[in-house]
Amino acid sequence: MAPKRKRAARAVCDGTSIRNMAAAAHLQSLKEEAICSICLEYFTEPMVVECGHTFCLSCITQCWEGLQAAFPCPQCRAVAETKTLRPNWQLGNVVEIAKHLQVSTATPQKENLCREHEEQLKLFCEDDQEPICLVCSVSRDHKPHMVLPIQEAVQEYKAMFKSQRERIANEFEKLKEFLEKEQSCYLKDLEQEEKNNLQSIKETLTKLEEQQSVLRSLITDIESKCQQQGVELLKDVKNTLRRYENMKAQHASYDTFKGKEEETEEEEEDDADLQIQIIDSLEWRWARSFAAAVTLDPDTAHWSLVLSEDGRSVRDGDEEQDLPDTPQRYTYYIAVLGRESLSSGRHYWEVEVGDKTAWELGVCDEAASRNGGITLTPEDGFWTVWLRDGKYKALTSSPTLLAPRVPPRAVGLFLDYEAGRLSVYNVDDRSLLFTFSGASFPPTLRPLLSPGLNEGGKNMGALRILPGTGWE
């Protein structure tokens, strides 16, 4: 009889455990329903908008601040014509109940245990971006790594996800405005063109709209991740961050289109060339929306360079100037850096090269050597293009010969730091000359300009940074 009593007791214990786990899961779901999707905290004065979603009064008020006619829902993006808000009294009562309930954590769930040591996951390894247990933290694999208590990591990554959500939402809105403006502009300009050209534009816009969908999906995933608590928020964090980085790397990239099968080979080539020009122009106009003010840093200029008083142009003076001996100055390479340090975001600037016969333009690692001979390659911290002996080249590991349709009199440079891209444009025909992609940029970059040697007056013109505001 004794064995039977033991089995019955165990069955009661197991049943109680299952009921407790189910209750905890329902309680967690209740708490998630009581959290505002904007501030990720319990609702304060919950208000229902026209589409049916609920937000804190202060959160929705801030989102709609400055709007006059159209009021989009921050969650589903549905637009209401009037600013209609209704109090959600019942949800307010549920929030108060949820605040007073506590989920028991006496027995850790099996999925929150280390698979190797079956210990509770109490730490987070920042190097491997995964939760670990105390035994893992002193193991050979994790001992040299940076680890944090789970709760500290939860708060840190929750703040990071929230920041990423805001940034992606901002990118989404900017891309949407750009699409609407470009669609209107091209449909108007190409109204009298052939219908095939209009179709190409529509296909381009369709691809951009697909990119909007990717952004919207990532926002939803990050919102869901932000609403999770404890270890659950940190699970699969590596994959979420990788998706975010891939999204940035793919941003503003466009595919070329296939010609129709019934067209002749010559017509296909002409059509492909037109499509490339259209896409280049779109990319250039998009890049220009990130115009940055760039000025030259006289403390970095080579002894023979002469800078203008406004810090926007530079030329070779053909002889050394009486300049202060600063540690930042180039001693052999005839170049000068911009004052601006670039360590994040997107930046676009234009440099007028005119009829000069030699020049170099690009960006470089702020920490790269400025003494003696310098090798202009990405491996040495330089991402540049140049003109020498009538030839244009991108200074990759093995220089890449460029073939502009028309000689550029002004060059545009677009740096997308997070995506590891530097695109160089011919401003005269809005074409893309070259793109350095997949770069692992150093912590800080600086714009770089070299006007080249005077060459007895053949290359005496100056490089001039064009104004960065008021472009149309």
Protein backbone atom coordinates (compact mmCIF):
# COMPACT_ATOMS: atom_id res chain seq x y z
CA MET A 1 0.00 0.00 0.00
CA ALA A 2 2.88 2.38 0.75
CA PRO A 3 4.10 2.54 -2.85
CA LYS A 4 0.59 3.44 -4.00
CA ARG A 5 0.41 6.34 -1.53
CA LYS A 6 3.74 7.65 -2.81
CA ARG A 7 2.59 7.53 -6.41
CA ALA A 8 -0.68 9.33 -5.52
CA ALA A 9 1.20 12.03 -3.65
CA ARG A 10 3.53 12.51 -6.61
CA ALA A 11 0.57 12.75 -8.96
CA VAL A 12 -1.01 15.48 -6.82
CA CYS A 13 2.30 17.32 -6.70
CA ASP A 14 2.74 17.11 -10.46
CA GLY A 15 -0.84 18.28 -11.06
CA THR A 16 -0.34 21.24 -8.73
CA SER A 17 2.89 22.15 -10.52
CA ILE A 18 1.16 22.07 -13.88
CA ARG A 19 -1.68 24.25 -12.60
CA ASN A 20 0.84 26.72 -11.14
CA MET A 21 2.71 26.90 -14.42
CA ALA A 22 -0.52 27.46 -16.34
CA ALA A 23 -1.59 30.16 -13.89
CA ALA A 24 1.78 31.86 -14.22
CA ALA A 25 1.49 31.82 -18.01
CA HIS A 26 -2.02 33.33 -17.90
CA LEU A 27 -0.85 35.96 -15.43
CA GLN A 28 2.07 36.86 -17.68
CA SER A 29 -0.35 37.20 -20.63
CA LEU A 30 -2.55 39.47 -18.49
CA LYS A 31 0.42 41.71 -17.70
CA GLU A 32 1.42 41.91 -21.37
CA GLU A 33 -2.09 43.09 -22.26
CA ALA A 34 -1.74 45.83 -19.65
CA ILE A 35 1.43 47.30 -21.24
CA CYS A 36 1.43 50.29 -23.65
CA SER A 37 3.20 49.49 -26.96
CA ILE A 38 4.78 52.97 -27.06
CA CYS A 39 6.37 53.38 -23.61
CA LEU A 40 6.42 49.63 -22.83
CA GLU A 41 5.14 50.35 -19.31
CA TYR A 42 1.77 49.75 -17.63
CA PHE A 43 -0.96 51.91 -19.18
CA THR A 44 -1.49 55.33 -17.57
CA GLU A 45 -4.89 56.83 -18.41
CA PRO A 46 -5.49 54.34 -21.28
CA MET A 47 -7.20 55.93 -24.30
CA VAL A 48 -8.72 54.16 -27.34
CA VAL A 49 -8.05 55.63 -30.80
CA GLU A 50 -10.41 55.30 -33.78
CA CYS A 51 -8.94 51.99 -35.05
CA GLY A 52 -9.45 50.32 -31.66
CA HIS A 53 -5.89 50.25 -30.29
CA THR A 54 -5.14 51.66 -26.84
CA PHE A 55 -2.26 53.86 -25.63
CA CYS A 56 -1.36 55.99 -22.62
CA LEU A 57 -2.86 59.47 -22.87
CA SER A 58 0.56 61.12 -22.65
CA CYS A 59 2.09 58.70 -25.22
CA ILE A 60 -0.54 59.23 -27.93
CA THR A 61 -0.58 62.98 -27.24
CA GLN A 62 3.17 63.17 -27.87
CA CYS A 63 2.89 61.05 -31.03
CA TRP A 64 0.25 63.38 -32.47
CA GLU A 65 1.89 66.60 -31.34
CA GLY A 66 1.99 69.12 -34.19
CA LEU A 67 -0.40 67.15 -36.46
CA GLN A 68 -3.42 69.04 -37.81
CA ALA A 69 -5.45 66.78 -40.12
CA ALA A 70 -4.21 63.16 -40.35
CA PHE A 71 -3.65 61.20 -37.12
CA PRO A 72 -1.94 57.78 -37.70
CA CYS A 73 -2.18 54.95 -35.20
CA PRO A 74 1.38 54.21 -33.90
CA GLN A 75 0.61 50.47 -33.93
CA CYS A 76 -1.25 49.69 -37.20
CA ARG A 77 -0.60 53.02 -39.02
CA ALA A 78 -4.33 53.46 -39.81
CA VAL A 79 -5.04 57.18 -40.31
CA ALA A 80 -7.94 58.97 -38.63
CA GLU A 81 -9.22 62.31 -39.91
CA THR A 82 -9.98 63.65 -36.43
CA LYS A 83 -8.18 63.40 -33.12
CA THR A 84 -10.70 61.11 -31.41
CA LEU A 85 -9.81 59.61 -28.01
CA ARG A 86 -12.06 57.60 -25.69
CA PRO A 87 -11.13 56.50 -22.15
CA ASN A 88 -10.77 52.73 -21.71
CA TRP A 89 -12.07 52.43 -18.14
CA GLN A 90 -12.19 48.64 -18.04
CA LEU A 91 -8.58 48.29 -19.22
CA GLY A 92 -7.61 50.83 -16.56
CA ASN A 93 -9.11 48.54 -13.92
CA VAL A 94 -7.28 45.53 -15.38
CA VAL A 95 -3.99 47.46 -15.21
CA GLU A 96 -4.49 48.16 -11.51
CA ILE A 97 -5.17 44.46 -10.88
CA ALA A 98 -2.09 43.43 -12.89
CA LYS A 99 0.14 45.80 -10.92
CA HIS A 100 -0.72 44.04 -7.64
CA LEU A 101 -0.23 40.47 -8.90
CA GLN A 102 3.18 38.82 -8.61
CA VAL A 103 4.36 35.81 -10.57
CA SER A 104 6.02 33.21 -8.34
CA THR A 105 9.62 32.47 -9.36
CA ALA A 106 10.37 29.92 -6.69
CA THR A 107 10.68 27.08 -9.23
CA PRO A 108 12.59 28.04 -12.40
CA GLN A 109 11.03 26.80 -15.62
CA LYS A 110 13.01 24.13 -17.42
CA GLU A 111 13.48 26.34 -20.48
CA ASN A 112 15.27 28.87 -18.23
CA LEU A 113 17.89 26.33 -17.17
CA CYS A 114 21.32 25.89 -18.74
CA ARG A 115 21.16 22.92 -21.10
CA GLU A 116 24.72 21.88 -20.22
CA HIS A 117 24.74 22.32 -16.44
CA GLU A 118 20.99 22.42 -15.63
CA GLU A 119 21.58 25.52 -13.51
CA GLN A 120 19.39 28.63 -13.59
CA LEU A 121 20.35 31.21 -16.24
CA LYS A 122 21.34 34.16 -14.07
CA LEU A 123 23.97 35.88 -16.25
CA PHE A 124 24.23 37.21 -19.82
CA CYS A 125 27.43 36.89 -21.89
CA GLU A 126 27.85 40.05 -23.98
CA ASP A 127 30.56 38.50 -26.18
CA ASP A 128 28.36 35.57 -27.28
CA GLN A 129 25.06 37.45 -26.69
CA GLU A 130 23.35 34.60 -24.85
CA PRO A 131 22.13 33.82 -21.30
CA ILE A 132 24.48 31.61 -19.24
CA CYS A 133 24.58 30.08 -15.76
CA LEU A 134 27.11 30.67 -12.96
CA VAL A 135 29.04 27.51 -13.90
CA CYS A 136 29.31 28.69 -17.52
CA SER A 137 30.70 32.06 -16.38
CA VAL A 138 33.81 30.43 -14.85
CA SER A 139 34.27 27.90 -17.65
CA ARG A 140 37.07 28.14 -20.18
CA ASP A 141 34.64 29.27 -22.92
CA HIS A 142 33.20 32.25 -21.02
CA LYS A 143 35.74 33.16 -18.31
CA PRO A 144 37.49 35.89 -20.39
CA HIS A 145 34.14 37.31 -21.58
CA MET A 146 32.15 40.29 -20.30
CA VAL A 147 29.08 39.07 -18.37
CA LEU A 148 26.17 40.91 -16.73
CA PRO A 149 23.42 39.91 -14.33
CA ILE A 150 20.29 38.95 -16.23
CA GLN A 151 18.24 41.89 -14.94
CA GLU A 152 20.90 44.44 -15.96
CA ALA A 153 21.15 42.87 -19.42
CA VAL A 154 17.35 42.86 -19.75
CA GLN A 155 17.19 46.60 -19.05
CA GLU A 156 20.14 47.34 -21.37
CA TYR A 157 18.79 45.38 -24.33
CA LYS A 158 15.24 46.54 -23.73
CA ALA A 159 16.47 50.13 -24.04
CA MET A 160 18.47 49.14 -27.15
CA PHE A 161 15.46 47.53 -28.81
CA LYS A 162 13.32 50.55 -28.00
CA SER A 163 15.93 52.87 -29.52
CA GLN A 164 16.15 50.66 -32.63
CA ARG A 165 12.37 50.67 -32.97
CA GLU A 166 12.29 54.46 -32.90
CA ARG A 167 15.10 54.68 -35.42
CA ILE A 168 13.52 52.17 -37.80
CA ALA A 169 10.15 53.91 -37.50
CA ASN A 170 11.85 57.18 -38.41
CA GLU A 171 13.57 55.56 -41.40
CA PHE A 172 10.23 54.10 -42.44
CA GLU A 173 8.56 57.53 -42.43
CA LYS A 174 11.46 59.15 -44.31
CA LEU A 175 11.41 56.41 -46.94
CA LYS A 176 7.65 56.74 -47.28
CA GLU A 177 7.90 60.51 -47.82
CA PHE A 178 10.71 59.99 -50.32
CA LEU A 179 8.69 57.42 -52.28
CA GLU A 180 5.65 59.66 -52.47
CA LYS A 181 7.73 62.63 -53.61
CA GLU A 182 9.68 60.63 -56.20
CA GLN A 183 6.55 58.96 -57.56
CA SER A 184 4.85 62.29 -58.03
CA CYS A 185 7.95 63.83 -59.59
CA TYR A 186 8.63 61.01 -62.05
CA LEU A 187 5.04 60.49 -63.07
CA LYS A 188 4.85 64.18 -63.91
CA ASP A 189 8.20 64.36 -65.74
CA LEU A 190 7.66 61.15 -67.70
CA GLU A 191 4.02 61.71 -68.61
CA GLN A 192 4.93 62.17 -72.27
CA GLU A 193 7.54 59.35 -72.33
CA GLU A 194 6.93 55.83 -73.53
CA LYS A 195 4.78 53.56 -71.37
CA ASN A 196 7.66 51.14 -70.97
CA ASN A 197 9.65 53.79 -69.10
CA LEU A 198 6.72 54.40 -66.74
CA GLN A 199 6.51 50.66 -66.06
CA SER A 200 10.20 50.62 -65.11
CA ILE A 201 9.61 53.41 -62.59
CA LYS A 202 6.61 51.60 -61.10
CA GLU A 203 8.67 48.42 -60.72
CA THR A 204 11.37 50.40 -58.94
CA LEU A 205 8.81 51.88 -56.57
CA THR A 206 7.31 48.43 -55.97
CA LYS A 207 10.69 47.18 -54.79
CA LEU A 208 11.00 50.13 -52.45
CA GLU A 209 7.54 49.37 -51.08
CA GLU A 210 8.69 45.80 -50.45
CA GLN A 211 11.52 47.29 -48.43
CA GLN A 212 8.94 49.25 -46.45
CA SER A 213 7.25 45.94 -45.65
CA VAL A 214 10.54 44.54 -44.34
CA LEU A 215 10.94 47.61 -42.11
CA ARG A 216 7.37 47.25 -40.85
CA SER A 217 7.94 43.56 -40.04
CA LEU A 218 11.13 44.34 -38.13
CA ILE A 219 9.36 47.05 -36.11
CA THR A 220 6.67 44.51 -35.14
CA ASP A 221 9.28 41.93 -34.10
CA ILE A 222 11.19 44.44 -31.98
CA GLU A 223 7.95 45.65 -30.35
CA SER A 224 7.15 42.04 -29.47
CA LYS A 225 10.68 41.52 -28.11
CA CYS A 226 10.40 44.67 -25.96
CA GLN A 227 7.24 43.36 -24.30
CA GLN A 228 9.00 40.21 -23.12
CA GLN A 229 10.54 40.04 -19.67
CA GLY A 230 13.61 38.45 -18.10
CA VAL A 231 15.43 35.70 -19.95
CA GLU A 232 12.73 35.56 -22.65
CA LEU A 233 13.76 39.03 -23.91
CA LEU A 234 17.39 37.92 -24.30
CA LYS A 235 16.68 34.66 -26.10
CA ASP A 236 17.56 34.79 -29.80
CA VAL A 237 18.87 38.35 -29.32
CA LYS A 238 21.77 37.58 -31.67
CA ASN A 239 19.39 36.80 -34.56
CA THR A 240 17.30 39.94 -33.91
CA LEU A 241 20.37 42.18 -33.95
CA ARG A 242 21.68 40.44 -37.10
CA ARG A 243 18.36 41.10 -38.88
CA TYR A 244 18.65 44.76 -37.90
CA GLU A 245 22.20 45.01 -39.31
CA ASN A 246 21.19 43.23 -42.54
CA MET A 247 18.27 45.64 -42.95
CA LYS A 248 20.65 48.64 -42.73
CA ALA A 249 23.11 47.09 -45.19
CA GLN A 250 20.34 46.53 -47.75
CA HIS A 251 18.75 49.98 -47.26
CA ALA A 252 18.48 52.11 -50.42
CA SER A 253 19.78 49.31 -52.71
CA TYR A 254 17.93 48.69 -55.96
CA ASP A 255 17.94 45.94 -58.58
CA THR A 256 18.14 46.44 -62.33
CA PHE A 257 15.32 45.06 -64.48
CA LYS A 258 15.22 42.54 -67.33
CA GLY A 259 14.29 43.72 -70.79
CA LYS A 260 11.23 42.28 -72.54
CA GLU A 261 11.89 39.16 -74.59
CA GLU A 262 10.42 40.61 -77.77
CA GLU A 263 12.79 43.58 -77.80
CA THR A 264 15.89 43.51 -79.98
CA GLU A 265 19.33 43.23 -78.40
CA GLU A 266 20.06 46.89 -79.13
CA GLU A 267 16.76 47.99 -77.62
CA GLU A 268 17.44 45.88 -74.53
CA GLU A 269 20.84 47.51 -74.06
CA ASP A 270 19.36 51.00 -74.45
CA ASP A 271 16.55 50.17 -72.05
CA ALA A 272 18.95 48.68 -69.47
CA ASP A 273 21.15 51.78 -69.70
CA LEU A 274 18.11 54.02 -69.16
CA GLN A 275 17.02 51.94 -66.18
CA ILE A 276 20.49 52.18 -64.63
CA GLN A 277 20.42 55.96 -65.09
CA ILE A 278 17.01 56.15 -63.43
CA ILE A 279 18.13 54.02 -60.47
CA ASP A 280 21.39 55.98 -60.10
CA SER A 281 19.40 59.21 -60.10
CA LEU A 282 17.03 57.85 -57.44
CA GLU A 283 19.94 56.75 -55.25
CA TRP A 284 21.70 60.09 -55.72
CA ARG A 285 18.58 62.09 -54.82
CA TRP A 286 18.06 59.88 -51.75
CA ALA A 287 21.71 60.32 -50.71
CA ARG A 288 21.45 64.10 -51.13
CA SER A 289 18.71 64.22 -48.50
CA PHE A 290 21.48 63.51 -45.94
CA ALA A 291 23.50 66.63 -46.85
CA ALA A 292 26.21 67.37 -44.28
CA ALA A 293 28.22 70.54 -43.65
CA VAL A 294 31.92 69.74 -44.18
CA THR A 295 34.79 72.18 -43.56
CA LEU A 296 38.56 71.67 -43.67
CA ASP A 297 40.80 71.28 -40.62
CA PRO A 298 43.92 73.49 -41.08
CA ASP A 299 45.82 71.60 -38.36
CA THR A 300 45.89 68.51 -40.62
CA ALA A 301 46.86 70.23 -43.91
CA HIS A 302 50.19 69.41 -45.56
CA TRP A 303 52.75 72.24 -45.44
CA SER A 304 52.29 73.15 -49.14
CA LEU A 305 48.48 73.41 -49.06
CA VAL A 306 46.63 76.74 -49.06
CA LEU A 307 43.17 76.79 -47.48
CA SER A 308 40.50 79.45 -47.99
CA GLU A 309 39.37 81.56 -45.03
CA ASP A 310 35.95 79.86 -44.96
CA GLY A 311 37.60 76.43 -44.79
CA ARG A 312 35.83 75.16 -47.91
CA SER A 313 38.54 75.09 -50.60
CA VAL A 314 42.14 73.87 -50.86
CA ARG A 315 44.90 74.11 -53.48
CA ASP A 316 48.59 73.27 -53.79
CA GLY A 317 50.66 76.40 -53.09
CA ASP A 318 53.73 74.86 -54.82
CA GLU A 319 55.90 75.67 -51.80
CA GLU A 320 55.80 75.02 -48.06
CA GLN A 321 53.77 77.48 -45.99
CA ASP A 322 54.82 78.90 -42.62
CA LEU A 323 52.45 76.78 -40.57
CA PRO A 324 52.48 75.56 -36.95
CA ASP A 325 54.06 72.15 -36.46
CA THR A 326 51.07 70.12 -35.23
CA PRO A 327 51.10 66.34 -34.59
CA GLN A 328 47.92 66.00 -36.68
CA ARG A 329 49.53 67.42 -39.86
CA TYR A 330 50.30 65.32 -42.96
CA THR A 331 54.07 65.47 -43.44
CA TYR A 332 54.43 63.74 -46.82
CA TYR A 333 51.01 63.08 -48.35
CA ILE A 334 49.58 66.32 -49.85
CA ALA A 335 46.16 66.11 -48.22
CA VAL A 336 43.87 67.69 -45.64
CA LEU A 337 41.04 66.26 -43.50
CA GLY A 338 37.61 67.61 -42.74
CA ARG A 339 36.94 68.89 -39.22
CA GLU A 340 33.94 66.60 -38.83
CA SER A 341 34.34 63.20 -37.13
CA LEU A 342 31.99 60.61 -38.63
CA SER A 343 31.21 57.68 -36.32
CA SER A 344 27.57 56.86 -37.13
CA GLY A 345 24.66 57.66 -39.45
CA ARG A 346 24.53 58.82 -43.08
CA HIS A 347 26.38 61.83 -44.51
CA TYR A 348 26.55 63.33 -48.02
CA TRP A 349 28.81 66.12 -49.31
CA GLU A 350 29.91 67.39 -52.72
CA VAL A 351 33.31 68.59 -53.89
CA GLU A 352 33.84 70.70 -57.01
CA VAL A 353 36.85 69.37 -58.95
CA GLY A 354 36.40 71.51 -62.08
CA ASP A 355 39.04 70.98 -64.78
CA LYS A 356 41.74 69.70 -62.41
CA THR A 357 43.98 66.96 -63.82
CA ALA A 358 44.68 65.23 -60.50
CA TRP A 359 42.86 64.82 -57.15
CA GLU A 360 41.85 62.33 -54.46
CA LEU A 361 38.60 62.29 -52.48
CA GLY A 362 37.13 59.96 -49.87
CA VAL A 363 37.28 59.17 -46.17
CA CYS A 364 39.97 57.78 -43.89
CA ASP A 365 40.47 56.33 -40.45
CA GLU A 366 41.05 59.23 -38.06
CA ALA A 367 43.78 57.15 -36.38
CA ALA A 368 45.59 56.29 -39.65
CA SER A 369 49.23 57.39 -39.92
CA ARG A 370 49.95 60.89 -41.27
CA ASN A 371 53.74 60.66 -41.25
CA GLY A 372 55.85 59.51 -44.18
CA GLY A 373 54.61 57.52 -47.15
CA ILE A 374 50.99 56.30 -47.07
CA THR A 375 49.26 53.45 -48.89
CA LEU A 376 45.75 54.44 -49.97
CA THR A 377 43.85 51.18 -49.49
CA PRO A 378 40.95 50.12 -47.25
CA GLU A 379 43.33 47.78 -45.41
CA ASP A 380 45.32 50.86 -44.35
CA GLY A 381 42.24 52.87 -43.41
CA PHE A 382 41.61 54.80 -46.64
CA TRP A 383 38.51 54.59 -48.89
CA THR A 384 39.23 56.96 -51.81
CA VAL A 385 38.90 57.55 -55.56
CA TRP A 386 41.35 59.57 -57.63
CA LEU A 387 42.15 61.09 -61.01
CA ARG A 388 45.69 60.54 -62.32
CA ASP A 389 47.03 60.69 -65.87
CA GLY A 390 43.52 61.03 -67.29
CA LYS A 391 42.30 57.86 -65.54
CA TYR A 392 39.74 57.58 -62.76
CA LYS A 393 40.30 54.79 -60.21
CA ALA A 394 38.79 53.51 -56.98
CA LEU A 395 41.70 52.70 -54.69
CA THR A 396 40.62 49.24 -53.61
CA SER A 397 43.17 46.55 -52.63
CA SER A 398 43.90 46.29 -56.36
CA PRO A 399 42.88 49.64 -57.96
CA THR A 400 39.58 49.49 -59.90
CA LEU A 401 39.44 51.44 -63.18
CA LEU A 402 36.33 53.64 -63.49
CA ALA A 403 34.65 54.74 -66.72
CA PRO A 404 32.39 57.79 -66.15
CA ARG A 405 30.01 58.63 -69.01
CA VAL A 406 31.12 62.26 -68.74
CA PRO A 407 34.13 63.67 -66.86
CA PRO A 408 32.86 64.85 -63.46
CA ARG A 409 33.27 68.51 -62.55
CA ALA A 410 31.75 67.82 -59.13
CA VAL A 411 31.88 64.63 -57.09
CA GLY A 412 29.34 63.56 -54.44
CA LEU A 413 30.30 61.27 -51.55
CA PHE A 414 27.67 59.39 -49.50
CA LEU A 415 28.79 57.60 -46.34
CA ASP A 416 26.43 55.08 -44.71
CA TYR A 417 28.50 54.23 -41.64
CA GLU A 418 26.42 51.40 -40.16
CA ALA A 419 26.01 49.71 -43.56
CA GLY A 420 29.77 49.89 -44.25
CA ARG A 421 29.23 51.73 -47.56
CA LEU A 422 30.86 54.72 -49.26
CA SER A 423 29.21 55.63 -52.61
CA VAL A 424 30.85 58.09 -55.01
CA TYR A 425 28.71 59.94 -57.57
CA ASN A 426 29.32 62.04 -60.68
CA VAL A 427 27.13 65.04 -59.86
CA ASP A 428 27.13 66.23 -63.48
CA ASP A 429 25.02 63.31 -64.76
CA ARG A 430 23.88 61.92 -61.36
CA SER A 431 25.56 58.58 -62.08
CA LEU A 432 27.19 56.22 -59.59
CA LEU A 433 30.96 56.03 -60.12
CA PHE A 434 31.78 53.41 -57.47
CA THR A 435 30.66 51.96 -54.13
CA PHE A 436 32.93 50.62 -51.40
CA SER A 437 30.67 48.06 -49.69
CA GLY A 438 30.91 45.59 -46.84
CA ALA A 439 33.53 47.72 -45.11
CA SER A 440 34.26 47.29 -41.41
CA PHE A 441 34.77 50.96 -40.63
CA PRO A 442 36.97 52.07 -37.69
CA PRO A 443 35.41 53.93 -34.72
CA THR A 444 35.89 57.35 -36.37
CA LEU A 445 36.24 58.48 -40.01
CA ARG A 446 37.16 61.92 -41.44
CA PRO A 447 36.51 63.35 -44.93
CA LEU A 448 39.74 63.49 -46.97
CA LEU A 449 40.70 65.83 -49.83
CA SER A 450 43.92 66.01 -51.86
CA PRO A 451 44.20 68.58 -54.70
CA GLY A 452 47.30 66.89 -56.11
CA LEU A 453 50.54 68.64 -57.15
CA ASN A 454 50.43 71.97 -59.01
CA GLU A 455 52.37 70.42 -61.94
CA GLY A 456 53.74 73.73 -63.13
CA GLY A 457 50.32 75.35 -63.31
CA LYS A 458 48.54 72.48 -65.11
CA ASN A 459 46.71 71.46 -61.94
CA MET A 460 46.61 74.75 -60.07
CA GLY A 461 42.83 74.82 -59.51
CA ALA A 462 41.35 74.32 -56.06
CA LEU A 463 39.05 71.64 -54.69
CA ARG A 464 35.96 73.37 -53.28
CA ILE A 465 33.38 71.87 -50.92
CA LEU A 466 29.94 72.90 -52.15
CA PRO A 467 27.26 74.18 -49.74
CA GLY A 468 25.29 71.41 -48.09
CA THR A 469 21.93 73.12 -47.65
CA GLY A 470 19.19 74.39 -49.95
CA TRP A 471 19.66 71.70 -52.60
CA GLU A 472 16.68 71.08 -54.85
